[in-house]
Amino acid sequence: MNKLMKKILVLAGALVLTLALAAPAFAAGTPDAQAPAGQTEAEEDSTIGLKAIAAGIAVGIAAAGGAVGMGLATAKSTESIARQPEAEGKVRTTLMLGLVFIETAIIYALLVVILIIFVL
């Protein structure tokens, strides 16, 4: 139960931190109905800021997930090599292949974020 409570507290802290960092984007005011033509430029700036926040969160989640996956894979491969030292070559090859796939997923997330920023 203690581990579950720690996980909940960590997730709640991450959520609070994310919302605190995104507060300036939420604080942007809405333009009036009779606003001058220059207000559309401010609205575009607001969407650019929201895209930047979304991109940062997306890359952060992808990098964190990849880091956790790489850490677990490395730990398990080290345990495997410690149990069966004669299988070190096969374990290392499989580990490297898995790490490449994890890194590829992170790079795909980065490409998606770049598309969001420059295309949308």
PDB file of N, CA and C in Angstrom:
ATOM      1  N   MET A   1       0.821  -1.190   0.000  1.00  0.00           N
ATOM      2  CA  MET A   1       0.000   0.000   0.000  1.00  0.00           C
ATOM      3  C   MET A   1       0.864   1.254   0.000  1.00  0.00           C
ATOM      4  N   ASN A   2       2.013   1.162   0.655  1.00  0.00           N
ATOM      5  CA  ASN A   2       2.901   2.306   0.742  1.00  0.00           C
ATOM      6  C   ASN A   2       3.462   2.666  -0.634  1.00  0.00           C
ATOM      7  N   LYS A   3       3.816   1.664  -1.445  1.00  0.00           N
ATOM      8  CA  LYS A   3       4.333   1.927  -2.785  1.00  0.00           C
ATOM      9  C   LYS A   3       3.266   2.561  -3.666  1.00  0.00           C
ATOM     10  N   LEU A   4       2.036   2.099  -3.526  1.00  0.00           N
ATOM     11  CA  LEU A   4       0.938   2.659  -4.300  1.00  0.00           C
ATOM     12  C   LEU A   4       0.729   4.126  -3.953  1.00  0.00           C
ATOM     13  N   MET A   5       0.803   4.450  -2.673  1.00  0.00           N
ATOM     14  CA  MET A   5       0.625   5.834  -2.244  1.00  0.00           C
ATOM     15  C   MET A   5       1.745   6.714  -2.790  1.00  0.00           C
ATOM     16  N   LYS A   6       2.970   6.197  -2.815  1.00  0.00           N
ATOM     17  CA  LYS A   6       4.081   6.966  -3.365  1.00  0.00           C
ATOM     18  C   LYS A   6       3.890   7.222  -4.855  1.00  0.00           C
ATOM     19  N   LYS A   7       3.421   6.206  -5.580  1.00  0.00           N
ATOM     20  CA  LYS A   7       3.179   6.378  -7.012  1.00  0.00           C
ATOM     21  C   LYS A   7       2.098   7.418  -7.260  1.00  0.00           C
ATOM     22  N   ILE A   8       1.047   7.376  -6.474  1.00  0.00           N
ATOM     23  CA  ILE A   8      -0.036   8.339  -6.622  1.00  0.00           C
ATOM     24  C   ILE A   8       0.466   9.745  -6.344  1.00  0.00           C
ATOM     25  N   LEU A   9       1.278   9.902  -5.312  1.00  0.00           N
ATOM     26  CA  LEU A   9       1.809  11.220  -4.979  1.00  0.00           C
ATOM     27  C   LEU A   9       2.747  11.738  -6.065  1.00  0.00           C
ATOM     28  N   VAL A  10       3.545  10.870  -6.636  1.00  0.00           N
ATOM     29  CA  VAL A  10       4.448  11.290  -7.713  1.00  0.00           C
ATOM     30  C   VAL A  10       3.644  11.715  -8.935  1.00  0.00           C
ATOM     31  N   LEU A  11       2.632  10.947  -9.305  1.00  0.00           N
ATOM     32  CA  LEU A  11       1.805  11.305 -10.453  1.00  0.00           C
ATOM     33  C   LEU A  11       1.043  12.605 -10.207  1.00  0.00           C
ATOM     34  N   ALA A  12       0.532  12.783  -8.997  1.00  0.00           N
ATOM     35  CA  ALA A  12      -0.171  14.022  -8.673  1.00  0.00           C
ATOM     36  C   ALA A  12       0.790  15.208  -8.717  1.00  0.00           C
ATOM     37  N   GLY A  13       1.995  15.019  -8.232  1.00  0.00           N
ATOM     38  CA  GLY A  13       2.986  16.096  -8.290  1.00  0.00           C
ATOM     39  C   GLY A  13       3.344  16.454  -9.720  1.00  0.00           C
ATOM     40  N   ALA A  14       3.484  15.449 -10.580  1.00  0.00           N
ATOM     41  CA  ALA A  14       3.785  15.711 -11.989  1.00  0.00           C
ATOM     42  C   ALA A  14       2.636  16.461 -12.656  1.00  0.00           C
ATOM     43  N   LEU A  15       1.411  16.095 -12.324  1.00  0.00           N
ATOM     44  CA  LEU A  15       0.249  16.782 -12.883  1.00  0.00           C
ATOM     45  C   LEU A  15       0.196  18.229 -12.433  1.00  0.00           C
ATOM     46  N   VAL A  16       0.435  18.468 -11.156  1.00  0.00           N
ATOM     47  CA  VAL A  16       0.425  19.832 -10.632  1.00  0.00           C
ATOM     48  C   VAL A  16       1.530  20.659 -11.281  1.00  0.00           C
ATOM     49  N   LEU A  17       2.713  20.079 -11.447  1.00  0.00           N
ATOM     50  CA  LEU A  17       3.812  20.785 -12.086  1.00  0.00           C
ATOM     51  C   LEU A  17       3.483  21.123 -13.539  1.00  0.00           C
ATOM     52  N   THR A  18       2.885  20.186 -14.249  1.00  0.00           N
ATOM     53  CA  THR A  18       2.507  20.438 -15.640  1.00  0.00           C
ATOM     54  C   THR A  18       1.486  21.560 -15.735  1.00  0.00           C
ATOM     55  N   LEU A  19       0.490  21.529 -14.875  1.00  0.00           N
ATOM     56  CA  LEU A  19      -0.526  22.587 -14.902  1.00  0.00           C
ATOM     57  C   LEU A  19       0.050  23.927 -14.482  1.00  0.00           C
ATOM     58  N   ALA A  20       0.991  23.918 -13.550  1.00  0.00           N
ATOM     59  CA  ALA A  20       1.608  25.170 -13.116  1.00  0.00           C
ATOM     60  C   ALA A  20       2.427  25.789 -14.236  1.00  0.00           C
ATOM     61  N   LEU A  21       3.111  24.954 -15.002  1.00  0.00           N
ATOM     62  CA  LEU A  21       3.898  25.471 -16.117  1.00  0.00           C
ATOM     63  C   LEU A  21       3.012  25.925 -17.269  1.00  0.00           C
ATOM     64  N   ALA A  22       1.828  25.362 -17.380  1.00  0.00           N
ATOM     65  CA  ALA A  22       0.912  25.731 -18.459  1.00  0.00           C
ATOM     66  C   ALA A  22      -0.001  26.889 -18.072  1.00  0.00           C
ATOM     67  N   ALA A  23       0.088  27.390 -16.843  1.00  0.00           N
ATOM     68  CA  ALA A  23      -0.794  28.454 -16.367  1.00  0.00           C
ATOM     69  C   ALA A  23      -0.738  29.711 -17.229  1.00  0.00           C
ATOM     70  N   PRO A  24       0.432  30.171 -17.699  1.00  0.00           N
ATOM     71  CA  PRO A  24       0.427  31.371 -18.550  1.00  0.00           C
ATOM     72  C   PRO A  24      -0.403  31.204 -19.820  1.00  0.00           C
ATOM     73  N   ALA A  25      -0.453  30.004 -20.359  1.00  0.00           N
ATOM     74  CA  ALA A  25      -1.264  29.786 -21.560  1.00  0.00           C
ATOM     75  C   ALA A  25      -2.751  29.884 -21.237  1.00  0.00           C
ATOM     76  N   PHE A  26      -3.136  29.426 -20.052  1.00  0.00           N
ATOM     77  CA  PHE A  26      -4.537  29.503 -19.659  1.00  0.00           C
ATOM     78  C   PHE A  26      -4.939  30.912 -19.260  1.00  0.00           C
ATOM     79  N   ALA A  27      -3.967  31.760 -18.916  1.00  0.00           N
ATOM     80  CA  ALA A  27      -4.264  33.104 -18.449  1.00  0.00           C
ATOM     81  C   ALA A  27      -4.515  34.079 -19.587  1.00  0.00           C
ATOM     82  N   ALA A  28      -4.301  33.673 -20.821  1.00  0.00           N
ATOM     83  CA  ALA A  28      -4.506  34.566 -21.954  1.00  0.00           C
ATOM     84  C   ALA A  28      -5.976  34.951 -22.036  1.00  0.00           C
ATOM     85  N   GLY A  29      -6.232  36.234 -22.212  1.00  0.00           N
ATOM     86  CA  GLY A  29      -7.608  36.731 -22.271  1.00  0.00           C
ATOM     87  C   GLY A  29      -8.230  36.503 -23.629  1.00  0.00           C
ATOM     88  N   THR A  30      -9.548  36.547 -23.676  1.00  0.00           N
ATOM     89  CA  THR A  30     -10.250  36.392 -24.949  1.00  0.00           C
ATOM     90  C   THR A  30     -10.442  37.768 -25.570  1.00  0.00           C
ATOM     91  N   PRO A  31     -10.336  37.892 -26.879  1.00  0.00           N
ATOM     92  CA  PRO A  31     -10.525  39.188 -27.529  1.00  0.00           C
ATOM     93  C   PRO A  31     -11.998  39.597 -27.493  1.00  0.00           C
ATOM     94  N   ASP A  32     -12.229  40.893 -27.437  1.00  0.00           N
ATOM     95  CA  ASP A  32     -13.598  41.417 -27.431  1.00  0.00           C
ATOM     96  C   ASP A  32     -14.222  41.296 -28.815  1.00  0.00           C
ATOM     97  N   ALA A  33     -15.555  41.395 -28.864  1.00  0.00           N
ATOM     98  CA  ALA A  33     -16.257  41.282 -30.139  1.00  0.00           C
ATOM     99  C   ALA A  33     -15.956  42.486 -31.025  1.00  0.00           C
ATOM    100  N   GLN A  34     -15.715  43.667 -30.430  1.00  0.00           N
ATOM    101  CA  GLN A  34     -15.458  44.868 -31.211  1.00  0.00           C
ATOM    102  C   GLN A  34     -13.969  45.219 -31.201  1.00  0.00           C
ATOM    103  N   ALA A  35     -13.146  44.226 -31.135  1.00  0.00           N
ATOM    104  CA  ALA A  35     -11.705  44.458 -31.068  1.00  0.00           C
ATOM    105  C   ALA A  35     -11.172  44.891 -32.428  1.00  0.00           C
ATOM    106  N   PRO A  36     -10.120  45.671 -32.445  1.00  0.00           N
ATOM    107  CA  PRO A  36      -9.536  46.085 -33.716  1.00  0.00           C
ATOM    108  C   PRO A  36      -8.902  44.902 -34.455  1.00  0.00           C
ATOM    109  N   ALA A  37      -8.490  45.141 -35.692  1.00  0.00           N
ATOM    110  CA  ALA A  37      -7.969  44.067 -36.532  1.00  0.00           C
ATOM    111  C   ALA A  37      -6.682  43.472 -35.994  1.00  0.00           C
ATOM    112  N   GLY A  38      -5.954  44.181 -35.154  1.00  0.00           N
ATOM    113  CA  GLY A  38      -4.705  43.691 -34.597  1.00  0.00           C
ATOM    114  C   GLY A  38      -4.890  42.550 -33.609  1.00  0.00           C
ATOM    115  N   GLN A  39      -6.107  42.324 -33.161  1.00  0.00           N
ATOM    116  CA  GLN A  39      -6.358  41.259 -32.184  1.00  0.00           C
ATOM    117  C   GLN A  39      -6.174  39.872 -32.789  1.00  0.00           C
ATOM    118  N   THR A  40      -6.368  39.720 -34.089  1.00  0.00           N
ATOM    119  CA  THR A  40      -6.181  38.399 -34.694  1.00  0.00           C
ATOM    120  C   THR A  40      -4.723  37.970 -34.586  1.00  0.00           C
ATOM    121  N   GLU A  41      -3.808  38.919 -34.631  1.00  0.00           N
ATOM    122  CA  GLU A  41      -2.384  38.597 -34.480  1.00  0.00           C
ATOM    123  C   GLU A  41      -2.104  38.061 -33.076  1.00  0.00           C
ATOM    124  N   ALA A  42      -2.747  38.650 -32.082  1.00  0.00           N
ATOM    125  CA  ALA A  42      -2.571  38.162 -30.709  1.00  0.00           C
ATOM    126  C   ALA A  42      -3.147  36.763 -30.565  1.00  0.00           C
ATOM    127  N   GLU A  43      -4.239  36.498 -31.260  1.00  0.00           N
ATOM    128  CA  GLU A  43      -4.835  35.161 -31.203  1.00  0.00           C
ATOM    129  C   GLU A  43      -3.899  34.131 -31.821  1.00  0.00           C
ATOM    130  N   GLU A  44      -3.233  34.482 -32.928  1.00  0.00           N
ATOM    131  CA  GLU A  44      -2.270  33.576 -33.553  1.00  0.00           C
ATOM    132  C   GLU A  44      -1.099  33.316 -32.619  1.00  0.00           C
ATOM    133  N   ASP A  45      -0.641  34.350 -31.908  1.00  0.00           N
ATOM    134  CA  ASP A  45       0.448  34.170 -30.954  1.00  0.00           C
ATOM    135  C   ASP A  45       0.042  33.208 -29.852  1.00  0.00           C
ATOM    136  N   SER A  46      -1.225  33.270 -29.457  1.00  0.00           N
ATOM    137  CA  SER A  46      -1.719  32.373 -28.420  1.00  0.00           C
ATOM    138  C   SER A  46      -1.698  30.919 -28.897  1.00  0.00           C
ATOM    139  N   THR A  47      -2.086  30.690 -30.134  1.00  0.00           N
ATOM    140  CA  THR A  47      -2.068  29.312 -30.634  1.00  0.00           C
ATOM    141  C   THR A  47      -0.642  28.806 -30.795  1.00  0.00           C
ATOM    142  N   ILE A  48       0.271  29.682 -31.145  1.00  0.00           N
ATOM    143  CA  ILE A  48       1.673  29.265 -31.239  1.00  0.00           C
ATOM    144  C   ILE A  48       2.181  28.856 -29.866  1.00  0.00           C
ATOM    145  N   GLY A  49       1.815  29.605 -28.849  1.00  0.00           N
ATOM    146  CA  GLY A  49       2.216  29.260 -27.484  1.00  0.00           C
ATOM    147  C   GLY A  49       1.627  27.934 -27.036  1.00  0.00           C
ATOM    148  N   LEU A  50       0.370  27.706 -27.378  1.00  0.00           N
ATOM    149  CA  LEU A  50      -0.256  26.437 -27.012  1.00  0.00           C
ATOM    150  C   LEU A  50       0.393  25.270 -27.749  1.00  0.00           C
ATOM    151  N   LYS A  51       0.776  25.494 -29.007  1.00  0.00           N
ATOM    152  CA  LYS A  51       1.476  24.444 -29.745  1.00  0.00           C
ATOM    153  C   LYS A  51       2.817  24.136 -29.084  1.00  0.00           C
ATOM    154  N   ALA A  52       3.499  25.175 -28.633  1.00  0.00           N
ATOM    155  CA  ALA A  52       4.796  24.974 -27.982  1.00  0.00           C
ATOM    156  C   ALA A  52       4.644  24.187 -26.689  1.00  0.00           C
ATOM    157  N   ILE A  53       3.620  24.507 -25.917  1.00  0.00           N
ATOM    158  CA  ILE A  53       3.383  23.772 -24.669  1.00  0.00           C
ATOM    159  C   ILE A  53       3.040  22.317 -24.967  1.00  0.00           C
ATOM    160  N   ALA A  54       2.163  22.100 -25.954  1.00  0.00           N
ATOM    161  CA  ALA A  54       1.789  20.728 -26.320  1.00  0.00           C
ATOM    162  C   ALA A  54       2.999  19.944 -26.830  1.00  0.00           C
ATOM    163  N   ALA A  55       3.847  20.609 -27.611  1.00  0.00           N
ATOM    164  CA  ALA A  55       5.038  19.939 -28.127  1.00  0.00           C
ATOM    165  C   ALA A  55       5.984  19.567 -26.998  1.00  0.00           C
ATOM    166  N   GLY A  56       6.160  20.483 -26.054  1.00  0.00           N
ATOM    167  CA  GLY A  56       7.038  20.191 -24.918  1.00  0.00           C
ATOM    168  C   GLY A  56       6.534  19.032 -24.080  1.00  0.00           C
ATOM    169  N   ILE A  57       5.245  19.005 -23.838  1.00  0.00           N
ATOM    170  CA  ILE A  57       4.674  17.913 -23.047  1.00  0.00           C
ATOM    171  C   ILE A  57       4.792  16.587 -23.807  1.00  0.00           C
ATOM    172  N   ALA A  58       4.527  16.612 -25.117  1.00  0.00           N
ATOM    173  CA  ALA A  58       4.592  15.378 -25.911  1.00  0.00           C
ATOM    174  C   ALA A  58       6.011  14.816 -25.955  1.00  0.00           C
ATOM    175  N   VAL A  59       6.992  15.681 -26.192  1.00  0.00           N
ATOM    176  CA  VAL A  59       8.371  15.202 -26.239  1.00  0.00           C
ATOM    177  C   VAL A  59       8.814  14.741 -24.850  1.00  0.00           C
ATOM    178  N   GLY A  60       8.373  15.440 -23.819  1.00  0.00           N
ATOM    179  CA  GLY A  60       8.719  15.035 -22.455  1.00  0.00           C
ATOM    180  C   GLY A  60       8.179  13.663 -22.098  1.00  0.00           C
ATOM    181  N   ILE A  61       6.934  13.414 -22.459  1.00  0.00           N
ATOM    182  CA  ILE A  61       6.341  12.101 -22.174  1.00  0.00           C
ATOM    183  C   ILE A  61       7.048  11.007 -22.980  1.00  0.00           C
ATOM    184  N   ALA A  62       7.346  11.292 -24.248  1.00  0.00           N
ATOM    185  CA  ALA A  62       8.037  10.291 -25.075  1.00  0.00           C
ATOM    186  C   ALA A  62       9.429  10.002 -24.531  1.00  0.00           C
ATOM    187  N   ALA A  63      10.145  11.049 -24.143  1.00  0.00           N
ATOM    188  CA  ALA A  63      11.498  10.848 -23.621  1.00  0.00           C
ATOM    189  C   ALA A  63      11.470  10.129 -22.275  1.00  0.00           C
ATOM    190  N   ALA A  64      10.510  10.477 -21.427  1.00  0.00           N
ATOM    191  CA  ALA A  64      10.413   9.802 -20.125  1.00  0.00           C
ATOM    192  C   ALA A  64      10.058   8.330 -20.301  1.00  0.00           C
ATOM    193  N   GLY A  65       9.123   8.053 -21.182  1.00  0.00           N
ATOM    194  CA  GLY A  65       8.765   6.657 -21.438  1.00  0.00           C
ATOM    195  C   GLY A  65       9.922   5.867 -22.014  1.00  0.00           C
ATOM    196  N   GLY A  66      10.647   6.486 -22.943  1.00  0.00           N
ATOM    197  CA  GLY A  66      11.808   5.822 -23.511  1.00  0.00           C
ATOM    198  C   GLY A  66      12.899   5.585 -22.485  1.00  0.00           C
ATOM    199  N   ALA A  67      13.105   6.566 -21.602  1.00  0.00           N
ATOM    200  CA  ALA A  67      14.130   6.412 -20.563  1.00  0.00           C
ATOM    201  C   ALA A  67      13.776   5.284 -19.602  1.00  0.00           C
ATOM    202  N   VAL A  68      12.515   5.197 -19.233  1.00  0.00           N
ATOM    203  CA  VAL A  68      12.090   4.113 -18.349  1.00  0.00           C
ATOM    204  C   VAL A  68      12.258   2.764 -19.046  1.00  0.00           C
ATOM    205  N   GLY A  69      11.857   2.694 -20.304  1.00  0.00           N
ATOM    206  CA  GLY A  69      12.008   1.446 -21.060  1.00  0.00           C
ATOM    207  C   GLY A  69      13.459   1.036 -21.214  1.00  0.00           C
ATOM    208  N   MET A  70      14.323   2.002 -21.506  1.00  0.00           N
ATOM    209  CA  MET A  70      15.747   1.680 -21.652  1.00  0.00           C
ATOM    210  C   MET A  70      16.359   1.241 -20.322  1.00  0.00           C
ATOM    211  N   GLY A  71      15.949   1.893 -19.255  1.00  0.00           N
ATOM    212  CA  GLY A  71      16.456   1.506 -17.939  1.00  0.00           C
ATOM    213  C   GLY A  71      16.044   0.098 -17.558  1.00  0.00           C
ATOM    214  N   LEU A  72      14.785  -0.232 -17.802  1.00  0.00           N
ATOM    215  CA  LEU A  72      14.320  -1.585 -17.486  1.00  0.00           C
ATOM    216  C   LEU A  72      15.007  -2.634 -18.359  1.00  0.00           C
ATOM    217  N   ALA A  73      15.177  -2.326 -19.633  1.00  0.00           N
ATOM    218  CA  ALA A  73      15.828  -3.275 -20.529  1.00  0.00           C
ATOM    219  C   ALA A  73      17.283  -3.509 -20.126  1.00  0.00           C
ATOM    220  N   THR A  74      17.962  -2.433 -19.764  1.00  0.00           N
ATOM    221  CA  THR A  74      19.353  -2.568 -19.340  1.00  0.00           C
ATOM    222  C   THR A  74      19.455  -3.364 -18.047  1.00  0.00           C
ATOM    223  N   ALA A  75      18.558  -3.095 -17.117  1.00  0.00           N
ATOM    224  CA  ALA A  75      18.579  -3.827 -15.846  1.00  0.00           C
ATOM    225  C   ALA A  75      18.329  -5.317 -16.056  1.00  0.00           C
ATOM    226  N   LYS A  76      17.349  -5.632 -16.870  1.00  0.00           N
ATOM    227  CA  LYS A  76      17.032  -7.046 -17.105  1.00  0.00           C
ATOM    228  C   LYS A  76      18.147  -7.759 -17.869  1.00  0.00           C
ATOM    229  N   SER A  77      18.778  -7.054 -18.806  1.00  0.00           N
ATOM    230  CA  SER A  77      19.870  -7.696 -19.533  1.00  0.00           C
ATOM    231  C   SER A  77      21.071  -7.927 -18.622  1.00  0.00           C
ATOM    232  N   THR A  78      21.319  -6.991 -17.710  1.00  0.00           N
ATOM    233  CA  THR A  78      22.411  -7.181 -16.754  1.00  0.00           C
ATOM    234  C   THR A  78      22.130  -8.372 -15.846  1.00  0.00           C
ATOM    235  N   GLU A  79      20.895  -8.506 -15.394  1.00  0.00           N
ATOM    236  CA  GLU A  79      20.521  -9.670 -14.582  1.00  0.00           C
ATOM    237  C   GLU A  79      20.698 -10.961 -15.374  1.00  0.00           C
ATOM    238  N   SER A  80      20.310 -10.930 -16.641  1.00  0.00           N
ATOM    239  CA  SER A  80      20.416 -12.118 -17.473  1.00  0.00           C
ATOM    240  C   SER A  80      21.875 -12.520 -17.691  1.00  0.00           C
ATOM    241  N   ILE A  81      22.722 -11.530 -17.939  1.00  0.00           N
ATOM    242  CA  ILE A  81      24.147 -11.826 -18.136  1.00  0.00           C
ATOM    243  C   ILE A  81      24.763 -12.347 -16.841  1.00  0.00           C
ATOM    244  N   ALA A  82      24.312 -11.807 -15.697  1.00  0.00           N
ATOM    245  CA  ALA A  82      24.846 -12.271 -14.414  1.00  0.00           C
ATOM    246  C   ALA A  82      24.441 -13.720 -14.137  1.00  0.00           C
ATOM    247  N   ARG A  83      23.259 -14.117 -14.589  1.00  0.00           N
ATOM    248  CA  ARG A  83      22.803 -15.491 -14.360  1.00  0.00           C
ATOM    249  C   ARG A  83      23.447 -16.482 -15.329  1.00  0.00           C
ATOM    250  N   GLN A  84      23.599 -16.058 -16.588  1.00  0.00           N
ATOM    251  CA  GLN A  84      24.179 -16.934 -17.607  1.00  0.00           C
ATOM    252  C   GLN A  84      25.252 -16.174 -18.380  1.00  0.00           C
ATOM    253  N   PRO A  85      26.460 -16.142 -17.870  1.00  0.00           N
ATOM    254  CA  PRO A  85      27.528 -15.386 -18.546  1.00  0.00           C
ATOM    255  C   PRO A  85      27.853 -15.909 -19.945  1.00  0.00           C
ATOM    256  N   GLU A  86      27.601 -17.180 -20.201  1.00  0.00           N
ATOM    257  CA  GLU A  86      27.911 -17.732 -21.517  1.00  0.00           C
ATOM    258  C   GLU A  86      26.974 -17.206 -22.607  1.00  0.00           C
ATOM    259  N   ALA A  87      25.823 -16.659 -22.240  1.00  0.00           N
ATOM    260  CA  ALA A  87      24.865 -16.126 -23.213  1.00  0.00           C
ATOM    261  C   ALA A  87      25.013 -14.613 -23.388  1.00  0.00           C
ATOM    262  N   GLU A  88      26.161 -14.082 -23.005  1.00  0.00           N
ATOM    263  CA  GLU A  88      26.348 -12.622 -23.025  1.00  0.00           C
ATOM    264  C   GLU A  88      26.199 -12.037 -24.428  1.00  0.00           C
ATOM    265  N   GLY A  89      26.739 -12.686 -25.419  1.00  0.00           N
ATOM    266  CA  GLY A  89      26.671 -12.165 -26.789  1.00  0.00           C
ATOM    267  C   GLY A  89      25.250 -12.055 -27.316  1.00  0.00           C
ATOM    268  N   LYS A  90      24.466 -13.094 -27.096  1.00  0.00           N
ATOM    269  CA  LYS A  90      23.077 -13.074 -27.565  1.00  0.00           C
ATOM    270  C   LYS A  90      22.248 -12.041 -26.803  1.00  0.00           C
ATOM    271  N   VAL A  91      22.478 -11.955 -25.490  1.00  0.00           N
ATOM    272  CA  VAL A  91      21.723 -10.987 -24.678  1.00  0.00           C
ATOM    273  C   VAL A  91      22.075  -9.571 -25.105  1.00  0.00           C
ATOM    274  N   ARG A  92      23.362  -9.306 -25.310  1.00  0.00           N
ATOM    275  CA  ARG A  92      23.793  -7.968 -25.700  1.00  0.00           C
ATOM    276  C   ARG A  92      23.222  -7.591 -27.068  1.00  0.00           C
ATOM    277  N   THR A  93      23.209  -8.520 -28.008  1.00  0.00           N
ATOM    278  CA  THR A  93      22.655  -8.243 -29.337  1.00  0.00           C
ATOM    279  C   THR A  93      21.168  -7.916 -29.251  1.00  0.00           C
ATOM    280  N   THR A  94      20.448  -8.704 -28.483  1.00  0.00           N
ATOM    281  CA  THR A  94      19.014  -8.461 -28.314  1.00  0.00           C
ATOM    282  C   THR A  94      18.759  -7.141 -27.600  1.00  0.00           C
ATOM    283  N   LEU A  95      19.590  -6.829 -26.613  1.00  0.00           N
ATOM    284  CA  LEU A  95      19.450  -5.557 -25.898  1.00  0.00           C
ATOM    285  C   LEU A  95      19.650  -4.386 -26.847  1.00  0.00           C
ATOM    286  N   MET A  96      20.687  -4.428 -27.646  1.00  0.00           N
ATOM    287  CA  MET A  96      20.956  -3.319 -28.571  1.00  0.00           C
ATOM    288  C   MET A  96      19.823  -3.152 -29.585  1.00  0.00           C
ATOM    289  N   LEU A  97      19.294  -4.252 -30.075  1.00  0.00           N
ATOM    290  CA  LEU A  97      18.175  -4.179 -31.010  1.00  0.00           C
ATOM    291  C   LEU A  97      16.952  -3.546 -30.343  1.00  0.00           C
ATOM    292  N   GLY A  98      16.672  -3.942 -29.106  1.00  0.00           N
ATOM    293  CA  GLY A  98      15.558  -3.352 -28.372  1.00  0.00           C
ATOM    294  C   GLY A  98      15.753  -1.877 -28.097  1.00  0.00           C
ATOM    295  N   LEU A  99      16.973  -1.477 -27.735  1.00  0.00           N
ATOM    296  CA  LEU A  99      17.252  -0.063 -27.481  1.00  0.00           C
ATOM    297  C   LEU A  99      17.097   0.772 -28.751  1.00  0.00           C
ATOM    298  N   VAL A 100      17.475   0.199 -29.876  1.00  0.00           N
ATOM    299  CA  VAL A 100      17.297   0.912 -31.149  1.00  0.00           C
ATOM    300  C   VAL A 100      15.816   1.137 -31.429  1.00  0.00           C
ATOM    301  N   PHE A 101      14.992   0.135 -31.187  1.00  0.00           N
ATOM    302  CA  PHE A 101      13.548   0.300 -31.410  1.00  0.00           C
ATOM    303  C   PHE A 101      12.953   1.344 -30.470  1.00  0.00           C
ATOM    304  N   ILE A 102      13.384   1.362 -29.228  1.00  0.00           N
ATOM    305  CA  ILE A 102      12.878   2.357 -28.279  1.00  0.00           C
ATOM    306  C   ILE A 102      13.283   3.763 -28.731  1.00  0.00           C
ATOM    307  N   GLU A 103      14.533   3.912 -29.127  1.00  0.00           N
ATOM    308  CA  GLU A 103      15.014   5.224 -29.579  1.00  0.00           C
ATOM    309  C   GLU A 103      14.296   5.663 -30.849  1.00  0.00           C
ATOM    310  N   THR A 104      13.975   4.717 -31.720  1.00  0.00           N
ATOM    311  CA  THR A 104      13.234   5.047 -32.932  1.00  0.00           C
ATOM    312  C   THR A 104      11.848   5.583 -32.599  1.00  0.00           C
ATOM    313  N   ALA A 105      11.200   5.015 -31.609  1.00  0.00           N
ATOM    314  CA  ALA A 105       9.882   5.516 -31.204  1.00  0.00           C
ATOM    315  C   ALA A 105       9.981   6.944 -30.673  1.00  0.00           C
ATOM    316  N   ILE A 106      11.042   7.250 -29.953  1.00  0.00           N
ATOM    317  CA  ILE A 106      11.224   8.615 -29.444  1.00  0.00           C
ATOM    318  C   ILE A 106      11.470   9.581 -30.596  1.00  0.00           C
ATOM    319  N   ILE A 107      12.244   9.163 -31.587  1.00  0.00           N
ATOM    320  CA  ILE A 107      12.501  10.027 -32.742  1.00  0.00           C
ATOM    321  C   ILE A 107      11.221  10.253 -33.532  1.00  0.00           C
ATOM    322  N   TYR A 108      10.381   9.237 -33.659  1.00  0.00           N
ATOM    323  CA  TYR A 108       9.090   9.423 -34.327  1.00  0.00           C
ATOM    324  C   TYR A 108       8.233  10.442 -33.574  1.00  0.00           C
ATOM    325  N   ALA A 109       8.251  10.400 -32.252  1.00  0.00           N
ATOM    326  CA  ALA A 109       7.505  11.385 -31.466  1.00  0.00           C
ATOM    327  C   ALA A 109       8.037  12.789 -31.734  1.00  0.00           C
ATOM    328  N   LEU A 110       9.350  12.918 -31.839  1.00  0.00           N
ATOM    329  CA  LEU A 110       9.944  14.222 -32.143  1.00  0.00           C
ATOM    330  C   LEU A 110       9.509  14.707 -33.523  1.00  0.00           C
ATOM    331  N   LEU A 111       9.457  13.819 -34.505  1.00  0.00           N
ATOM    332  CA  LEU A 111       9.009  14.207 -35.840  1.00  0.00           C
ATOM    333  C   LEU A 111       7.545  14.646 -35.838  1.00  0.00           C
ATOM    334  N   VAL A 112       6.716  13.952 -35.087  1.00  0.00           N
ATOM    335  CA  VAL A 112       5.314  14.342 -34.983  1.00  0.00           C
ATOM    336  C   VAL A 112       5.179  15.733 -34.364  1.00  0.00           C
ATOM    337  N   VAL A 113       5.980  15.994 -33.348  1.00  0.00           N
ATOM    338  CA  VAL A 113       5.945  17.302 -32.697  1.00  0.00           C
ATOM    339  C   VAL A 113       6.396  18.395 -33.663  1.00  0.00           C
ATOM    340  N   ILE A 114       7.428  18.119 -34.445  1.00  0.00           N
ATOM    341  CA  ILE A 114       7.876  19.108 -35.427  1.00  0.00           C
ATOM    342  C   ILE A 114       6.779  19.379 -36.464  1.00  0.00           C
ATOM    343  N   LEU A 115       6.077  18.325 -36.876  1.00  0.00           N
ATOM    344  CA  LEU A 115       4.961  18.516 -37.804  1.00  0.00           C
ATOM    345  C   LEU A 115       3.852  19.342 -37.172  1.00  0.00           C
ATOM    346  N   ILE A 116       3.572  19.103 -35.906  1.00  0.00           N
ATOM    347  CA  ILE A 116       2.537  19.889 -35.222  1.00  0.00           C
ATOM    348  C   ILE A 116       2.917  21.354 -35.190  1.00  0.00           C
ATOM    349  N   ILE A 117       4.169  21.638 -34.890  1.00  0.00           N
ATOM    350  CA  ILE A 117       4.594  23.031 -34.766  1.00  0.00           C
ATOM    351  C   ILE A 117       4.559  23.752 -36.120  1.00  0.00           C
ATOM    352  N   PHE A 118       5.081  23.127 -37.156  1.00  0.00           N
ATOM    353  CA  PHE A 118       5.251  23.830 -38.420  1.00  0.00           C
ATOM    354  C   PHE A 118       4.117  23.650 -39.413  1.00  0.00           C
ATOM    355  N   VAL A 119       3.319  22.606 -39.288  1.00  0.00           N
ATOM    356  CA  VAL A 119       2.256  22.369 -40.273  1.00  0.00           C
ATOM    357  C   VAL A 119       0.897  22.837 -39.761  1.00  0.00           C
ATOM    358  N   LEU A 120       0.574  22.547 -38.532  1.00  0.00           N
ATOM    359  CA  LEU A 120      -0.756  22.916 -38.008  1.00  0.00           C
ATOM    360  C   LEU A 120      -0.825  24.364 -37.608  1.00  0.00           C
TER     361      LEU A 120
END
